[in-house]
Amino acid sequence: KIKFTTAMALSDGKKTITAAAYICGIVAEYPRGKNGFGFDEIFELENGKTLAELTSEEKNEISARKKALELLKSKLG
């Protein structure tokens, strides 16, 4: 099993807020897909697809970066 984690912090010099999010998967038996870079071709999700086999829209929906950013934004208010 593998986990991709994104951590973010925002500070005004007096107060710092942080957020972290992740996606889980497994290492694929072989690289698959054309819509990715880095480890996308070997990061296999629970649905059996690698990140590189997803459309950009599908990747954005499950993105650890997006989840961490949304969590950070929710802490601002």
PDB file of N, CA and C in Angstrom:
ATOM      1  N   LYS A   1       0.844  -1.181   0.000  1.00  0.00           N
ATOM      2  CA  LYS A   1       0.000   0.000   0.000  1.00  0.00           C
ATOM      3  C   LYS A   1       0.887   1.241   0.000  1.00  0.00           C
ATOM      4  N   ILE A   2       0.370   2.276  -0.662  1.00  0.00           N
ATOM      5  CA  ILE A   2       1.092   3.546  -0.713  1.00  0.00           C
ATOM      6  C   ILE A   2       0.121   4.681  -0.423  1.00  0.00           C
ATOM      7  N   LYS A   3       0.684   5.798  -0.019  1.00  0.00           N
ATOM      8  CA  LYS A   3      -0.124   6.964   0.310  1.00  0.00           C
ATOM      9  C   LYS A   3       0.607   8.200  -0.206  1.00  0.00           C
ATOM     10  N   PHE A   4      -0.123   9.048  -0.921  1.00  0.00           N
ATOM     11  CA  PHE A   4       0.403  10.334  -1.347  1.00  0.00           C
ATOM     12  C   PHE A   4      -0.199  11.391  -0.445  1.00  0.00           C
ATOM     13  N   THR A   5       0.656  12.144   0.229  1.00  0.00           N
ATOM     14  CA  THR A   5       0.204  13.148   1.182  1.00  0.00           C
ATOM     15  C   THR A   5       0.604  14.541   0.712  1.00  0.00           C
ATOM     16  N   THR A   6      -0.319  15.465   0.858  1.00  0.00           N
ATOM     17  CA  THR A   6      -0.050  16.874   0.606  1.00  0.00           C
ATOM     18  C   THR A   6      -0.248  17.621   1.913  1.00  0.00           C
ATOM     19  N   ALA A   7       0.731  18.417   2.287  1.00  0.00           N
ATOM     20  CA  ALA A   7       0.630  19.263   3.474  1.00  0.00           C
ATOM     21  C   ALA A   7       0.826  20.712   3.045  1.00  0.00           C
ATOM     22  N   MET A   8       0.010  21.590   3.599  1.00  0.00           N
ATOM     23  CA  MET A   8       0.086  23.017   3.282  1.00  0.00           C
ATOM     24  C   MET A   8       0.048  23.835   4.564  1.00  0.00           C
ATOM     25  N   ALA A   9       0.696  24.978   4.504  1.00  0.00           N
ATOM     26  CA  ALA A   9       0.668  25.901   5.634  1.00  0.00           C
ATOM     27  C   ALA A   9       0.537  27.325   5.098  1.00  0.00           C
ATOM     28  N   LEU A  10      -0.148  28.142   5.864  1.00  0.00           N
ATOM     29  CA  LEU A  10      -0.325  29.549   5.511  1.00  0.00           C
ATOM     30  C   LEU A  10      -0.088  30.361   6.775  1.00  0.00           C
ATOM     31  N   SER A  11       0.786  31.360   6.661  1.00  0.00           N
ATOM     32  CA  SER A  11       1.122  32.148   7.843  1.00  0.00           C
ATOM     33  C   SER A  11       1.167  33.632   7.496  1.00  0.00           C
ATOM     34  N   ASP A  12       0.696  34.436   8.444  1.00  0.00           N
ATOM     35  CA  ASP A  12       0.820  35.885   8.295  1.00  0.00           C
ATOM     36  C   ASP A  12       1.944  36.414   9.182  1.00  0.00           C
ATOM     37  N   GLY A  13       2.736  35.533   9.728  1.00  0.00           N
ATOM     38  CA  GLY A  13       3.821  35.914  10.615  1.00  0.00           C
ATOM     39  C   GLY A  13       3.432  35.872  12.081  1.00  0.00           C
ATOM     40  N   LYS A  14       2.144  35.849  12.359  1.00  0.00           N
ATOM     41  CA  LYS A  14       1.653  35.785  13.729  1.00  0.00           C
ATOM     42  C   LYS A  14       0.902  34.480  13.982  1.00  0.00           C
ATOM     43  N   LYS A  15       0.130  34.103  12.992  1.00  0.00           N
ATOM     44  CA  LYS A  15      -0.682  32.894  13.114  1.00  0.00           C
ATOM     45  C   LYS A  15      -0.415  32.009  11.899  1.00  0.00           C
ATOM     46  N   THR A  16      -0.321  30.727  12.139  1.00  0.00           N
ATOM     47  CA  THR A  16      -0.110  29.763  11.061  1.00  0.00           C
ATOM     48  C   THR A  16      -1.235  28.731  11.099  1.00  0.00           C
ATOM     49  N   ILE A  17      -1.792  28.458   9.918  1.00  0.00           N
ATOM     50  CA  ILE A  17      -2.776  27.385   9.824  1.00  0.00           C
ATOM     51  C   ILE A  17      -2.208  26.315   8.890  1.00  0.00           C
ATOM     52  N   THR A  18      -2.550  25.075   9.167  1.00  0.00           N
ATOM     53  CA  THR A  18      -2.032  23.961   8.385  1.00  0.00           C
ATOM     54  C   THR A  18      -3.167  23.032   7.978  1.00  0.00           C
ATOM     55  N   ALA A  19      -2.905  22.269   6.951  1.00  0.00           N
ATOM     56  CA  ALA A  19      -3.860  21.261   6.496  1.00  0.00           C
ATOM     57  C   ALA A  19      -3.082  20.165   5.779  1.00  0.00           C
ATOM     58  N   ALA A  20      -3.596  18.949   5.871  1.00  0.00           N
ATOM     59  CA  ALA A  20      -2.992  17.824   5.166  1.00  0.00           C
ATOM     60  C   ALA A  20      -4.101  16.922   4.649  1.00  0.00           C
ATOM     61  N   ALA A  21      -3.856  16.307   3.507  1.00  0.00           N
ATOM     62  CA  ALA A  21      -4.808  15.366   2.920  1.00  0.00           C
ATOM     63  C   ALA A  21      -4.013  14.318   2.154  1.00  0.00           C
ATOM     64  N   TYR A  22      -4.651  13.198   1.870  1.00  0.00           N
ATOM     65  CA  TYR A  22      -3.929  12.130   1.179  1.00  0.00           C
ATOM     66  C   TYR A  22      -4.871  11.292   0.324  1.00  0.00           C
ATOM     67  N   ILE A  23      -4.260  10.546  -0.589  1.00  0.00           N
ATOM     68  CA  ILE A  23      -4.955   9.503  -1.328  1.00  0.00           C
ATOM     69  C   ILE A  23      -4.148   8.222  -1.147  1.00  0.00           C
ATOM     70  N   CYS A  24      -4.837   7.102  -1.139  1.00  0.00           N
ATOM     71  CA  CYS A  24      -4.194   5.806  -0.941  1.00  0.00           C
ATOM     72  C   CYS A  24      -4.306   4.952  -2.195  1.00  0.00           C
ATOM     73  N   GLY A  25      -3.389   4.038  -2.332  1.00  0.00           N
ATOM     74  CA  GLY A  25      -3.411   3.117  -3.454  1.00  0.00           C
ATOM     75  C   GLY A  25      -2.396   2.017  -3.254  1.00  0.00           C
ATOM     76  N   ILE A  26      -2.017   1.410  -4.362  1.00  0.00           N
ATOM     77  CA  ILE A  26      -0.971   0.392  -4.364  1.00  0.00           C
ATOM     78  C   ILE A  26      -0.035   0.677  -5.530  1.00  0.00           C
ATOM     79  N   VAL A  27       1.126   0.056  -5.522  1.00  0.00           N
ATOM     80  CA  VAL A  27       2.045   0.178  -6.643  1.00  0.00           C
ATOM     81  C   VAL A  27       1.580  -0.793  -7.727  1.00  0.00           C
ATOM     82  N   ALA A  28       1.310  -0.274  -8.912  1.00  0.00           N
ATOM     83  CA  ALA A  28       0.846  -1.096 -10.029  1.00  0.00           C
ATOM     84  C   ALA A  28       1.944  -2.068 -10.460  1.00  0.00           C
ATOM     85  N   GLU A  29       1.525  -3.181 -11.034  1.00  0.00           N
ATOM     86  CA  GLU A  29       2.489  -4.182 -11.507  1.00  0.00           C
ATOM     87  C   GLU A  29       3.351  -3.646 -12.635  1.00  0.00           C
ATOM     88  N   TYR A  30       2.788  -2.739 -13.446  1.00  0.00           N
ATOM     89  CA  TYR A  30       3.542  -2.126 -14.535  1.00  0.00           C
ATOM     90  C   TYR A  30       2.919  -0.757 -14.827  1.00  0.00           C
ATOM     91  N   PRO A  31       3.679   0.166 -15.383  1.00  0.00           N
ATOM     92  CA  PRO A  31       3.150   1.503 -15.674  1.00  0.00           C
ATOM     93  C   PRO A  31       2.001   1.444 -16.678  1.00  0.00           C
ATOM     94  N   ARG A  32       0.957   2.252 -16.409  1.00  0.00           N
ATOM     95  CA  ARG A  32      -0.196   2.308 -17.306  1.00  0.00           C
ATOM     96  C   ARG A  32      -0.722   3.735 -17.375  1.00  0.00           C
ATOM     97  N   GLY A  33      -1.164   4.120 -18.567  1.00  0.00           N
ATOM     98  CA  GLY A  33      -1.806   5.411 -18.743  1.00  0.00           C
ATOM     99  C   GLY A  33      -0.915   6.443 -19.393  1.00  0.00           C
ATOM    100  N   LYS A  34      -1.555   7.444 -19.950  1.00  0.00           N
ATOM    101  CA  LYS A  34      -0.840   8.504 -20.678  1.00  0.00           C
ATOM    102  C   LYS A  34      -1.102   9.893 -20.095  1.00  0.00           C
ATOM    103  N   ASN A  35      -2.032  10.012 -19.137  1.00  0.00           N
ATOM    104  CA  ASN A  35      -2.428  11.321 -18.623  1.00  0.00           C
ATOM    105  C   ASN A  35      -1.792  11.567 -17.266  1.00  0.00           C
ATOM    106  N   GLY A  36      -0.483  11.705 -17.273  1.00  0.00           N
ATOM    107  CA  GLY A  36       0.160  11.933 -15.987  1.00  0.00           C
ATOM    108  C   GLY A  36       1.649  12.179 -16.124  1.00  0.00           C
ATOM    109  N   PHE A  37       2.287  12.297 -14.992  1.00  0.00           N
ATOM    110  CA  PHE A  37       3.730  12.497 -14.932  1.00  0.00           C
ATOM    111  C   PHE A  37       4.210  11.942 -13.598  1.00  0.00           C
ATOM    112  N   GLY A  38       5.500  11.840 -13.446  1.00  0.00           N
ATOM    113  CA  GLY A  38       6.049  11.347 -12.177  1.00  0.00           C
ATOM    114  C   GLY A  38       5.574   9.942 -11.889  1.00  0.00           C
ATOM    115  N   PHE A  39       4.942   9.770 -10.749  1.00  0.00           N
ATOM    116  CA  PHE A  39       4.512   8.440 -10.304  1.00  0.00           C
ATOM    117  C   PHE A  39       3.099   8.073 -10.755  1.00  0.00           C
ATOM    118  N   ASP A  40       2.410   8.937 -11.499  1.00  0.00           N
ATOM    119  CA  ASP A  40       1.014   8.699 -11.881  1.00  0.00           C
ATOM    120  C   ASP A  40       0.801   7.355 -12.580  1.00  0.00           C
ATOM    121  N   GLU A  41       1.755   6.925 -13.385  1.00  0.00           N
ATOM    122  CA  GLU A  41       1.604   5.688 -14.149  1.00  0.00           C
ATOM    123  C   GLU A  41       1.680   4.434 -13.287  1.00  0.00           C
ATOM    124  N   ILE A  42       2.199   4.558 -12.063  1.00  0.00           N
ATOM    125  CA  ILE A  42       2.312   3.371 -11.196  1.00  0.00           C
ATOM    126  C   ILE A  42       1.481   3.482  -9.921  1.00  0.00           C
ATOM    127  N   PHE A  43       0.808   4.607  -9.720  1.00  0.00           N
ATOM    128  CA  PHE A  43      -0.032   4.786  -8.533  1.00  0.00           C
ATOM    129  C   PHE A  43      -1.429   4.280  -8.866  1.00  0.00           C
ATOM    130  N   GLU A  44      -1.737   3.060  -8.424  1.00  0.00           N
ATOM    131  CA  GLU A  44      -3.016   2.428  -8.740  1.00  0.00           C
ATOM    132  C   GLU A  44      -4.006   2.641  -7.603  1.00  0.00           C
ATOM    133  N   LEU A  45      -5.176   3.123  -7.966  1.00  0.00           N
ATOM    134  CA  LEU A  45      -6.239   3.392  -7.000  1.00  0.00           C
ATOM    135  C   LEU A  45      -7.049   2.129  -6.714  1.00  0.00           C
ATOM    136  N   GLU A  46      -7.935   2.213  -5.734  1.00  0.00           N
ATOM    137  CA  GLU A  46      -8.773   1.073  -5.373  1.00  0.00           C
ATOM    138  C   GLU A  46      -9.665   0.618  -6.520  1.00  0.00           C
ATOM    139  N   ASN A  47      -9.980   1.512  -7.456  1.00  0.00           N
ATOM    140  CA  ASN A  47     -10.842   1.150  -8.586  1.00  0.00           C
ATOM    141  C   ASN A  47     -10.081   0.411  -9.689  1.00  0.00           C
ATOM    142  N   GLY A  48      -8.777   0.181  -9.484  1.00  0.00           N
ATOM    143  CA  GLY A  48      -7.968  -0.556 -10.449  1.00  0.00           C
ATOM    144  C   GLY A  48      -7.305   0.293 -11.505  1.00  0.00           C
ATOM    145  N   LYS A  49      -7.596   1.593 -11.537  1.00  0.00           N
ATOM    146  CA  LYS A  49      -6.969   2.491 -12.505  1.00  0.00           C
ATOM    147  C   LYS A  49      -5.774   3.187 -11.875  1.00  0.00           C
ATOM    148  N   THR A  50      -4.779   3.472 -12.704  1.00  0.00           N
ATOM    149  CA  THR A  50      -3.681   4.313 -12.232  1.00  0.00           C
ATOM    150  C   THR A  50      -4.104   5.768 -12.381  1.00  0.00           C
ATOM    151  N   LEU A  51      -3.392   6.648 -11.686  1.00  0.00           N
ATOM    152  CA  LEU A  51      -3.690   8.077 -11.820  1.00  0.00           C
ATOM    153  C   LEU A  51      -3.551   8.527 -13.269  1.00  0.00           C
ATOM    154  N   ALA A  52      -2.617   7.932 -14.010  1.00  0.00           N
ATOM    155  CA  ALA A  52      -2.390   8.309 -15.404  1.00  0.00           C
ATOM    156  C   ALA A  52      -3.492   7.814 -16.336  1.00  0.00           C
ATOM    157  N   GLU A  53      -4.344   6.922 -15.861  1.00  0.00           N
ATOM    158  CA  GLU A  53      -5.469   6.439 -16.667  1.00  0.00           C
ATOM    159  C   GLU A  53      -6.734   7.270 -16.456  1.00  0.00           C
ATOM    160  N   LEU A  54      -6.703   8.184 -15.509  1.00  0.00           N
ATOM    161  CA  LEU A  54      -7.859   9.036 -15.234  1.00  0.00           C
ATOM    162  C   LEU A  54      -7.844  10.253 -16.140  1.00  0.00           C
ATOM    163  N   THR A  55      -9.028  10.815 -16.361  1.00  0.00           N
ATOM    164  CA  THR A  55      -9.090  12.096 -17.063  1.00  0.00           C
ATOM    165  C   THR A  55      -8.604  13.181 -16.097  1.00  0.00           C
ATOM    166  N   SER A  56      -8.311  14.329 -16.621  1.00  0.00           N
ATOM    167  CA  SER A  56      -7.901  15.447 -15.762  1.00  0.00           C
ATOM    168  C   SER A  56      -8.984  15.783 -14.756  1.00  0.00           C
ATOM    169  N   GLU A  57     -10.236  15.714 -15.187  1.00  0.00           N
ATOM    170  CA  GLU A  57     -11.355  16.016 -14.294  1.00  0.00           C
ATOM    171  C   GLU A  57     -11.437  14.993 -13.159  1.00  0.00           C
ATOM    172  N   GLU A  58     -11.258  13.713 -13.488  1.00  0.00           N
ATOM    173  CA  GLU A  58     -11.294  12.665 -12.466  1.00  0.00           C
ATOM    174  C   GLU A  58     -10.155  12.841 -11.466  1.00  0.00           C
ATOM    175  N   LYS A  59      -8.967  13.158 -11.972  1.00  0.00           N
ATOM    176  CA  LYS A  59      -7.812  13.370 -11.088  1.00  0.00           C
ATOM    177  C   LYS A  59      -8.053  14.548 -10.152  1.00  0.00           C
ATOM    178  N   ASN A  60      -8.626  15.622 -10.679  1.00  0.00           N
ATOM    179  CA  ASN A  60      -8.876  16.807  -9.857  1.00  0.00           C
ATOM    180  C   ASN A  60      -9.883  16.524  -8.754  1.00  0.00           C
ATOM    181  N   GLU A  61     -10.841  15.650  -8.996  1.00  0.00           N
ATOM    182  CA  GLU A  61     -11.848  15.329  -7.989  1.00  0.00           C
ATOM    183  C   GLU A  61     -11.263  14.606  -6.774  1.00  0.00           C
ATOM    184  N   ILE A  62     -10.236  13.795  -6.981  1.00  0.00           N
ATOM    185  CA  ILE A  62      -9.662  13.019  -5.874  1.00  0.00           C
ATOM    186  C   ILE A  62      -8.339  13.583  -5.387  1.00  0.00           C
ATOM    187  N   SER A  63      -7.893  14.661  -5.972  1.00  0.00           N
ATOM    188  CA  SER A  63      -6.578  15.236  -5.697  1.00  0.00           C
ATOM    189  C   SER A  63      -6.337  15.533  -4.216  1.00  0.00           C
ATOM    190  N   ALA A  64      -5.228  15.019  -3.697  1.00  0.00           N
ATOM    191  CA  ALA A  64      -4.841  15.334  -2.319  1.00  0.00           C
ATOM    192  C   ALA A  64      -4.538  16.824  -2.189  1.00  0.00           C
ATOM    193  N   ARG A  65      -3.988  17.401  -3.225  1.00  0.00           N
ATOM    194  CA  ARG A  65      -3.702  18.840  -3.203  1.00  0.00           C
ATOM    195  C   ARG A  65      -4.999  19.633  -3.072  1.00  0.00           C
ATOM    196  N   LYS A  66      -6.006  19.256  -3.865  1.00  0.00           N
ATOM    197  CA  LYS A  66      -7.292  19.950  -3.806  1.00  0.00           C
ATOM    198  C   LYS A  66      -7.919  19.799  -2.421  1.00  0.00           C
ATOM    199  N   LYS A  67      -7.892  18.596  -1.874  1.00  0.00           N
ATOM    200  CA  LYS A  67      -8.479  18.347  -0.552  1.00  0.00           C
ATOM    201  C   LYS A  67      -7.776  19.174   0.519  1.00  0.00           C
ATOM    202  N   ALA A  68      -6.447  19.227   0.461  1.00  0.00           N
ATOM    203  CA  ALA A  68      -5.696  20.003   1.458  1.00  0.00           C
ATOM    204  C   ALA A  68      -5.982  21.493   1.315  1.00  0.00           C
ATOM    205  N   LEU A  69      -6.066  21.971   0.094  1.00  0.00           N
ATOM    206  CA  LEU A  69      -6.361  23.385  -0.131  1.00  0.00           C
ATOM    207  C   LEU A  69      -7.760  23.739   0.370  1.00  0.00           C
ATOM    208  N   GLU A  70      -8.742  22.878   0.097  1.00  0.00           N
ATOM    209  CA  GLU A  70     -10.100  23.133   0.588  1.00  0.00           C
ATOM    210  C   GLU A  70     -10.138  23.145   2.112  1.00  0.00           C
ATOM    211  N   LEU A  71      -9.402  22.250   2.738  1.00  0.00           N
ATOM    212  CA  LEU A  71      -9.346  22.223   4.198  1.00  0.00           C
ATOM    213  C   LEU A  71      -8.686  23.494   4.740  1.00  0.00           C
ATOM    214  N   LEU A  72      -7.604  23.917   4.102  1.00  0.00           N
ATOM    215  CA  LEU A  72      -6.926  25.148   4.503  1.00  0.00           C
ATOM    216  C   LEU A  72      -7.866  26.338   4.363  1.00  0.00           C
ATOM    217  N   LYS A  73      -8.575  26.413   3.244  1.00  0.00           N
ATOM    218  CA  LYS A  73      -9.530  27.518   3.023  1.00  0.00           C
ATOM    219  C   LYS A  73     -10.644  27.507   4.075  1.00  0.00           C
ATOM    220  N   SER A  74     -11.098  26.328   4.473  1.00  0.00           N
ATOM    221  CA  SER A  74     -12.165  26.255   5.465  1.00  0.00           C
ATOM    222  C   SER A  74     -11.691  26.756   6.838  1.00  0.00           C
ATOM    223  N   LYS A  75     -10.403  26.669   7.087  1.00  0.00           N
ATOM    224  CA  LYS A  75      -9.853  27.147   8.363  1.00  0.00           C
ATOM    225  C   LYS A  75      -9.641  28.648   8.386  1.00  0.00           C
ATOM    226  N   LEU A  76      -9.706  29.289   7.230  1.00  0.00           N
ATOM    227  CA  LEU A  76      -9.535  30.739   7.150  1.00  0.00           C
ATOM    228  C   LEU A  76     -10.735  31.491   7.668  1.00  0.00           C
ATOM    229  N   GLY A  77     -11.928  30.915   7.477  1.00  0.00           N
ATOM    230  CA  GLY A  77     -13.165  31.599   7.835  1.00  0.00           C
ATOM    231  C   GLY A  77     -13.481  31.445   9.244  1.00  0.00           C
TER     232      GLY A  77
END
